[in-house]
Amino acid sequence: MKYNIRKANETDFHGMLLLIKELAEFENAPEKVLNSVEQMKAEQDCFECFVAETKEGEIIGMSLFFFAYYTWVGKSLYLDDLYVKKEYRGHGIGSLLLEKIFDVAKANNCKRVRWQVLNWNTAAINLYNKCGAFIDNEWSNCDFEGDRITDFQIE
């Protein structure tokens, strides 16, 4: 099968959001997707994305990322989502998307590339181990969302 990997644009947001929702289903958290195409349009300066598409133009995978700054190392690239539709897995599409991420990191002189993986997602962990990723099991996420941000106070 032949796939095209390219930089996403605004016309891809609907297809990207469908993948985001599919990923949330896979991660057993569909209720956590609050994003919308309109929000993505308004906030498109905050992220970049590569999409994988079939020769018919169907978006079947994506790697969404943004630049971050980590005090210990400096400029970094954060890969927020890497996802390939279930029926297209095993064809090297995830690896191709990951290669694009590292091309961007190299071109932008990033000192770190970081992402998260759920500890039960063995297929992804196997891919990342195969690539040579260091998977840190020591750190935990700390999240505030929505009203919890607005209502934040230390008691």
Protein backbone atom coordinates (compact mmCIF):
# COMPACT_ATOMS: atom_id res chain seq x y z
CA MET A 1 0.00 0.00 0.00
CA LYS A 2 1.13 3.54 -0.74
CA TYR A 3 0.66 6.34 1.77
CA ASN A 4 1.42 10.03 1.64
CA ILE A 5 2.82 11.75 4.73
CA ARG A 6 2.47 15.52 4.59
CA LYS A 7 2.14 18.60 6.75
CA ALA A 8 -1.46 19.10 7.87
CA ASN A 9 -3.44 22.22 7.05
CA GLU A 10 -6.73 23.71 8.17
CA THR A 11 -8.73 21.60 5.72
CA ASP A 12 -7.48 18.50 7.58
CA PHE A 13 -8.83 19.54 10.99
CA HIS A 14 -12.08 17.59 10.64
CA GLY A 15 -10.22 14.38 9.78
CA MET A 16 -7.69 15.03 12.54
CA LEU A 17 -10.47 15.51 15.09
CA LEU A 18 -12.01 12.20 14.04
CA LEU A 19 -8.64 10.53 14.72
CA ILE A 20 -8.37 12.33 18.08
CA LYS A 21 -11.79 10.98 19.05
CA GLU A 22 -10.85 7.49 17.84
CA LEU A 23 -7.67 7.67 19.92
CA ALA A 24 -9.70 8.72 22.96
CA GLU A 25 -11.95 5.69 22.45
CA PHE A 26 -8.85 3.47 22.22
CA GLU A 27 -7.57 5.00 25.48
CA ASN A 28 -10.97 4.47 27.16
CA ALA A 29 -11.52 8.21 27.67
CA PRO A 30 -13.88 9.48 24.93
CA GLU A 31 -15.54 11.95 27.32
CA LYS A 32 -12.27 13.84 27.72
CA VAL A 33 -12.20 15.17 24.14
CA LEU A 34 -13.47 18.74 24.40
CA ASN A 35 -11.73 20.08 21.29
CA SER A 36 -13.56 21.10 18.11
CA VAL A 37 -12.66 22.06 14.55
CA GLU A 38 -13.50 25.68 15.42
CA GLN A 39 -11.16 25.60 18.41
CA MET A 40 -8.41 24.02 16.32
CA LYS A 41 -8.80 26.83 13.75
CA ALA A 42 -8.61 29.47 16.48
CA GLU A 43 -5.56 27.85 18.11
CA GLN A 44 -3.69 26.57 15.06
CA ASP A 45 -0.65 28.69 15.90
CA CYS A 46 -0.15 26.48 18.97
CA PHE A 47 0.49 23.19 17.18
CA GLU A 48 1.76 21.52 14.03
CA CYS A 49 0.81 18.16 12.60
CA PHE A 50 1.73 15.60 9.97
CA VAL A 51 -1.01 13.46 8.48
CA ALA A 52 -0.82 10.13 6.73
CA GLU A 53 -3.33 9.72 3.94
CA THR A 54 -4.31 7.08 1.44
CA LYS A 55 -4.02 7.72 -2.30
CA GLU A 56 -7.76 8.51 -2.13
CA GLY A 57 -7.06 11.29 0.38
CA GLU A 58 -8.44 9.61 3.51
CA ILE A 59 -6.55 10.70 6.65
CA ILE A 60 -5.53 7.49 8.41
CA GLY A 61 -2.85 8.69 10.82
CA MET A 62 -1.33 11.76 12.39
CA SER A 63 1.46 13.06 14.58
CA LEU A 64 0.54 16.32 16.34
CA PHE A 65 3.31 18.25 18.07
CA PHE A 66 4.42 21.59 19.45
CA PHE A 67 7.63 23.17 20.65
CA ALA A 68 8.33 23.43 24.36
CA TYR A 69 11.12 24.66 26.56
CA TYR A 70 12.50 22.45 29.33
CA THR A 71 14.75 24.19 31.81
CA TRP A 72 17.24 21.34 32.05
CA VAL A 73 17.84 20.97 28.31
CA GLY A 74 16.28 23.92 26.43
CA LYS A 75 14.26 23.89 23.22
CA SER A 76 12.33 20.67 22.78
CA LEU A 77 9.62 19.10 20.69
CA TYR A 78 6.60 17.58 22.42
CA LEU A 79 4.73 14.92 20.47
CA ASP A 80 1.19 15.11 21.83
CA ASP A 81 -0.45 12.44 19.70
CA LEU A 82 0.82 9.77 17.34
CA TYR A 83 -2.07 7.70 16.05
CA VAL A 84 -2.79 5.38 13.14
CA LYS A 85 -6.23 3.89 12.47
CA LYS A 86 -6.42 0.28 13.60
CA GLU A 87 -6.92 -1.20 10.13
CA TYR A 88 -3.76 0.54 8.85
CA ARG A 89 -1.40 -0.47 11.67
CA GLY A 90 1.50 -2.76 10.91
CA HIS A 91 2.35 -1.04 7.62
CA GLY A 92 5.08 1.24 8.98
CA ILE A 93 2.90 4.37 8.99
CA GLY A 94 3.59 5.11 12.67
CA SER A 95 7.31 4.80 12.02
CA LEU A 96 7.07 7.18 9.06
CA LEU A 97 5.19 9.73 11.15
CA LEU A 98 7.76 9.39 13.93
CA GLU A 99 10.59 9.91 11.43
CA LYS A 100 8.94 13.18 10.33
CA ILE A 101 8.84 14.33 13.96
CA PHE A 102 12.56 13.67 14.34
CA ASP A 103 13.28 15.47 11.06
CA VAL A 104 11.55 18.56 12.50
CA ALA A 105 13.40 18.20 15.82
CA LYS A 106 16.76 17.99 14.03
CA ALA A 107 15.97 20.91 11.71
CA ASN A 108 14.99 23.04 14.71
CA ASN A 109 17.98 22.06 16.84
CA CYS A 110 15.80 20.56 19.57
CA LYS A 111 17.59 19.13 22.57
CA ARG A 112 14.79 16.74 23.51
CA VAL A 113 11.82 14.99 21.94
CA ARG A 114 9.23 13.92 24.48
CA TRP A 115 5.88 12.16 24.47
CA GLN A 116 3.80 9.93 26.74
CA VAL A 117 2.56 6.39 26.34
CA LEU A 118 0.03 4.54 28.43
CA ASN A 119 1.67 1.70 30.36
CA TRP A 120 -0.79 -0.85 28.88
CA ASN A 121 -0.21 0.14 25.24
CA THR A 122 2.30 -2.61 24.54
CA ALA A 123 2.25 -2.18 20.74
CA ALA A 124 3.31 1.46 21.08
CA ILE A 125 5.84 0.66 23.80
CA ASN A 126 7.37 -2.01 21.56
CA LEU A 127 7.71 0.50 18.71
CA TYR A 128 9.28 3.11 20.99
CA ASN A 129 11.67 0.56 22.49
CA LYS A 130 12.62 -0.58 18.99
CA CYS A 131 13.44 3.04 18.14
CA GLY A 132 15.62 3.36 21.25
CA ALA A 133 13.36 5.60 23.35
CA PHE A 134 13.97 5.89 27.08
CA ILE A 135 10.65 5.20 28.81
CA ASP A 136 10.61 6.82 32.24
CA ASN A 137 8.29 5.12 34.74
CA GLU A 138 9.15 7.47 37.60
CA TRP A 139 7.26 10.69 36.75
CA SER A 140 3.50 11.21 37.11
CA ASN A 141 1.30 13.68 35.24
CA CYS A 142 -0.23 16.65 37.06
CA ASP A 143 -3.21 18.08 35.15
CA PHE A 144 -5.65 20.92 35.64
CA GLU A 145 -8.39 21.43 33.07
CA GLY A 146 -11.34 23.74 32.50
CA ASP A 147 -12.91 25.23 35.61
CA ARG A 148 -10.17 23.75 37.77
CA ILE A 149 -7.76 26.23 36.12
CA THR A 150 -10.09 29.18 36.69
CA ASP A 151 -10.82 28.12 40.26
CA PHE A 152 -7.20 27.37 41.20
CA GLN A 153 -6.11 28.46 44.65
CA ILE A 154 -3.83 27.09 47.28
CA GLU A 155 -5.72 26.61 50.50
